[in-house]
């Protein structure tokens, strides 16, 4: 999926392998994509569950990032 910011034309791609990047890099993946709410939630869940939450959380990464861009007003191209 590719999203475009209608204000400046900047494009950002959400890979179908987003789950792999989230699994490898944890909350840093969401921070890199600018989804700070889920970066903080993921960090806290990881600390509370001793990292077990990161065996489930990454499988929702693609939809989390895509929904974030949609809420920000970006258009899917």
N, C-alpha and C. Protein backbone atom coordinates (compact mmCIF):
# COMPACT_ATOMS: atom_id res chain seq x y z
N UNK A 1 0.83 -1.17 0.00
CA UNK A 1 0.00 0.00 0.00
C UNK A 1 0.88 1.24 0.00
N UNK A 2 0.47 2.21 -0.77
CA UNK A 2 1.17 3.48 -0.80
C UNK A 2 0.18 4.58 -0.47
N UNK A 3 0.59 5.47 0.42
CA UNK A 3 -0.24 6.59 0.82
C UNK A 3 0.46 7.88 0.43
N UNK A 4 -0.35 8.87 0.04
CA UNK A 4 0.18 10.17 -0.36
C UNK A 4 -0.43 11.26 0.51
N UNK A 5 0.45 12.14 0.97
CA UNK A 5 0.00 13.29 1.73
C UNK A 5 -0.54 14.32 0.74
N UNK A 6 -1.83 14.66 0.80
CA UNK A 6 -2.40 15.58 -0.19
C UNK A 6 -1.86 17.01 -0.09
N UNK A 7 -1.26 17.36 1.03
CA UNK A 7 -0.76 18.72 1.19
C UNK A 7 0.57 18.95 0.50
N UNK A 8 1.44 17.92 0.50
CA UNK A 8 2.76 18.13 -0.08
C UNK A 8 3.17 17.05 -1.08
N UNK A 9 2.34 16.05 -1.31
CA UNK A 9 2.64 15.03 -2.30
C UNK A 9 3.62 13.97 -1.83
N UNK A 10 4.02 14.01 -0.57
CA UNK A 10 4.96 13.02 -0.04
C UNK A 10 4.28 11.65 0.01
N UNK A 11 5.01 10.62 -0.40
CA UNK A 11 4.46 9.27 -0.40
C UNK A 11 5.18 8.38 0.60
N UNK A 12 4.40 7.52 1.21
CA UNK A 12 4.93 6.57 2.19
C UNK A 12 4.33 5.21 1.87
N UNK A 13 5.16 4.18 1.89
CA UNK A 13 4.72 2.83 1.57
C UNK A 13 4.60 1.99 2.83
N UNK A 14 3.52 1.22 2.89
CA UNK A 14 3.32 0.26 3.98
C UNK A 14 3.46 -1.12 3.36
N UNK A 15 4.54 -1.78 3.64
CA UNK A 15 4.86 -3.07 3.06
C UNK A 15 3.97 -4.17 3.62
N UNK A 16 3.76 -5.20 2.81
CA UNK A 16 3.02 -6.35 3.34
C UNK A 16 3.88 -7.13 4.33
N UNK A 17 5.17 -6.81 4.38
CA UNK A 17 6.08 -7.43 5.34
C UNK A 17 6.29 -6.55 6.57
N UNK A 18 5.35 -5.65 6.82
CA UNK A 18 5.45 -4.77 7.99
C UNK A 18 5.53 -5.59 9.27
N UNK A 19 4.89 -6.74 9.29
CA UNK A 19 4.92 -7.57 10.50
C UNK A 19 6.33 -8.06 10.79
N UNK A 20 7.11 -8.32 9.73
CA UNK A 20 8.49 -8.78 9.93
C UNK A 20 9.32 -7.66 10.57
N UNK A 21 9.15 -6.44 10.04
CA UNK A 21 9.92 -5.31 10.57
C UNK A 21 9.52 -5.01 12.01
N UNK A 22 8.22 -5.12 12.30
CA UNK A 22 7.76 -4.89 13.67
C UNK A 22 8.25 -5.99 14.60
N UNK A 23 8.32 -7.21 14.10
CA UNK A 23 8.82 -8.33 14.92
C UNK A 23 10.30 -8.16 15.22
N UNK A 24 11.07 -7.71 14.22
CA UNK A 24 12.51 -7.54 14.40
C UNK A 24 12.88 -6.32 15.23
N UNK A 25 12.17 -5.21 15.01
CA UNK A 25 12.56 -3.95 15.63
C UNK A 25 11.62 -3.48 16.73
N UNK A 26 10.54 -4.19 16.96
CA UNK A 26 9.63 -3.86 18.05
C UNK A 26 9.04 -2.48 17.94
N UNK A 27 8.99 -1.77 19.05
CA UNK A 27 8.36 -0.45 19.08
C UNK A 27 9.09 0.56 18.21
N UNK A 28 10.36 0.31 17.87
CA UNK A 28 11.11 1.23 17.02
C UNK A 28 10.52 1.32 15.61
N UNK A 29 9.91 0.24 15.13
CA UNK A 29 9.27 0.27 13.81
C UNK A 29 8.14 1.30 13.80
N UNK A 30 7.30 1.28 14.83
CA UNK A 30 6.20 2.24 14.89
C UNK A 30 6.71 3.66 15.08
N UNK A 31 7.76 3.83 15.85
CA UNK A 31 8.35 5.16 16.02
C UNK A 31 8.91 5.67 14.70
N UNK A 32 9.56 4.81 13.94
CA UNK A 32 10.10 5.19 12.64
C UNK A 32 9.00 5.62 11.67
N UNK A 33 7.86 4.94 11.73
CA UNK A 33 6.73 5.27 10.85
C UNK A 33 5.94 6.46 11.37
N UNK A 34 6.24 6.94 12.57
CA UNK A 34 5.56 8.10 13.13
C UNK A 34 4.28 7.77 13.88
N UNK A 35 4.06 6.51 14.18
CA UNK A 35 2.87 6.07 14.89
C UNK A 35 3.24 6.00 16.37
N UNK A 36 3.35 7.16 17.00
CA UNK A 36 3.88 7.25 18.35
C UNK A 36 2.99 6.61 19.39
N UNK A 37 1.68 6.66 19.18
CA UNK A 37 0.77 6.05 20.14
C UNK A 37 1.05 4.55 20.27
N UNK A 38 1.19 3.88 19.15
CA UNK A 38 1.44 2.44 19.20
C UNK A 38 2.89 2.12 19.58
N UNK A 39 3.79 3.03 19.31
CA UNK A 39 5.16 2.82 19.78
C UNK A 39 5.19 2.79 21.30
N UNK A 40 4.51 3.73 21.92
CA UNK A 40 4.48 3.77 23.39
C UNK A 40 3.68 2.61 23.98
N UNK A 41 2.53 2.31 23.36
CA UNK A 41 1.73 1.17 23.83
C UNK A 41 2.54 -0.12 23.71
N UNK A 42 3.22 -0.29 22.59
CA UNK A 42 4.02 -1.49 22.39
C UNK A 42 5.16 -1.60 23.38
N UNK A 43 5.80 -0.48 23.66
CA UNK A 43 6.89 -0.47 24.64
C UNK A 43 6.37 -0.86 26.02
N UNK A 44 5.26 -0.26 26.42
CA UNK A 44 4.69 -0.57 27.74
C UNK A 44 4.23 -2.02 27.82
N UNK A 45 3.55 -2.50 26.78
CA UNK A 45 3.12 -3.90 26.78
C UNK A 45 4.31 -4.85 26.81
N UNK A 46 5.36 -4.50 26.10
CA UNK A 46 6.56 -5.33 26.09
C UNK A 46 7.20 -5.41 27.47
N UNK A 47 7.21 -4.30 28.17
CA UNK A 47 7.78 -4.29 29.52
C UNK A 47 6.92 -5.08 30.50
N UNK A 48 5.61 -4.89 30.41
CA UNK A 48 4.69 -5.54 31.34
C UNK A 48 4.64 -7.05 31.12
N UNK A 49 4.68 -7.47 29.85
CA UNK A 49 4.55 -8.91 29.54
C UNK A 49 5.90 -9.58 29.31
N UNK A 50 6.97 -8.92 29.67
CA UNK A 50 8.33 -9.45 29.49
C UNK A 50 8.62 -9.82 28.04
N UNK A 51 8.04 -9.04 27.11
CA UNK A 51 8.32 -9.24 25.69
C UNK A 51 7.38 -10.18 24.96
N UNK A 52 6.51 -10.87 25.66
CA UNK A 52 5.62 -11.83 25.01
C UNK A 52 4.60 -11.14 24.09
N UNK A 53 4.25 -9.92 24.38
CA UNK A 53 3.29 -9.22 23.53
C UNK A 53 3.83 -9.01 22.12
N UNK A 54 5.16 -9.00 21.97
CA UNK A 54 5.75 -8.80 20.65
C UNK A 54 5.73 -10.05 19.79
N UNK A 55 5.16 -11.11 20.30
CA UNK A 55 4.91 -12.29 19.47
C UNK A 55 3.55 -12.19 18.80
N UNK A 56 2.69 -11.28 19.25
CA UNK A 56 1.35 -11.10 18.69
C UNK A 56 1.21 -9.73 18.01
N UNK A 57 1.69 -8.70 18.66
CA UNK A 57 1.52 -7.31 18.21
C UNK A 57 1.96 -7.07 16.76
N UNK A 58 3.07 -7.63 16.30
CA UNK A 58 3.53 -7.35 14.94
C UNK A 58 2.57 -7.76 13.83
N UNK A 59 1.73 -8.74 14.09
CA UNK A 59 0.82 -9.20 13.05
C UNK A 59 -0.27 -8.18 12.74
N UNK A 60 -0.39 -7.16 13.56
CA UNK A 60 -1.35 -6.08 13.32
C UNK A 60 -0.66 -4.82 12.80
N UNK A 61 0.64 -4.86 12.59
CA UNK A 61 1.43 -3.68 12.23
C UNK A 61 0.96 -3.02 10.94
N UNK A 62 0.69 -3.81 9.92
CA UNK A 62 0.30 -3.24 8.63
C UNK A 62 -1.01 -2.46 8.75
N UNK A 63 -2.00 -3.04 9.39
CA UNK A 63 -3.28 -2.35 9.52
C UNK A 63 -3.17 -1.15 10.47
N UNK A 64 -2.33 -1.25 11.49
CA UNK A 64 -2.15 -0.12 12.41
C UNK A 64 -1.56 1.08 11.67
N UNK A 65 -0.51 0.85 10.89
CA UNK A 65 0.15 1.95 10.18
C UNK A 65 -0.77 2.50 9.09
N UNK A 66 -1.45 1.63 8.35
CA UNK A 66 -2.36 2.08 7.30
C UNK A 66 -3.49 2.92 7.89
N UNK A 67 -4.07 2.48 8.98
CA UNK A 67 -5.15 3.25 9.62
C UNK A 67 -4.64 4.59 10.15
N UNK A 68 -3.41 4.62 10.62
CA UNK A 68 -2.82 5.88 11.09
C UNK A 68 -2.75 6.89 9.95
N UNK A 69 -2.26 6.46 8.80
CA UNK A 69 -2.16 7.37 7.66
C UNK A 69 -3.54 7.83 7.21
N UNK A 70 -4.51 6.93 7.19
CA UNK A 70 -5.86 7.31 6.79
C UNK A 70 -6.44 8.36 7.75
N UNK A 71 -6.24 8.17 9.04
CA UNK A 71 -6.75 9.13 10.03
C UNK A 71 -6.07 10.49 9.89
N UNK A 72 -4.83 10.49 9.41
CA UNK A 72 -4.11 11.74 9.22
C UNK A 72 -4.51 12.47 7.93
N UNK A 73 -5.39 11.83 7.15
CA UNK A 73 -5.87 12.45 5.92
C UNK A 73 -5.10 12.08 4.68
N UNK A 74 -4.21 11.11 4.78
CA UNK A 74 -3.45 10.68 3.62
C UNK A 74 -4.36 9.87 2.71
N UNK A 75 -4.07 9.89 1.41
CA UNK A 75 -4.89 9.21 0.42
C UNK A 75 -4.11 8.00 -0.10
N UNK A 76 -4.80 6.87 -0.19
CA UNK A 76 -4.17 5.67 -0.72
C UNK A 76 -4.14 5.77 -2.24
N UNK A 77 -2.95 5.56 -2.81
CA UNK A 77 -2.80 5.60 -4.28
C UNK A 77 -2.44 4.25 -4.83
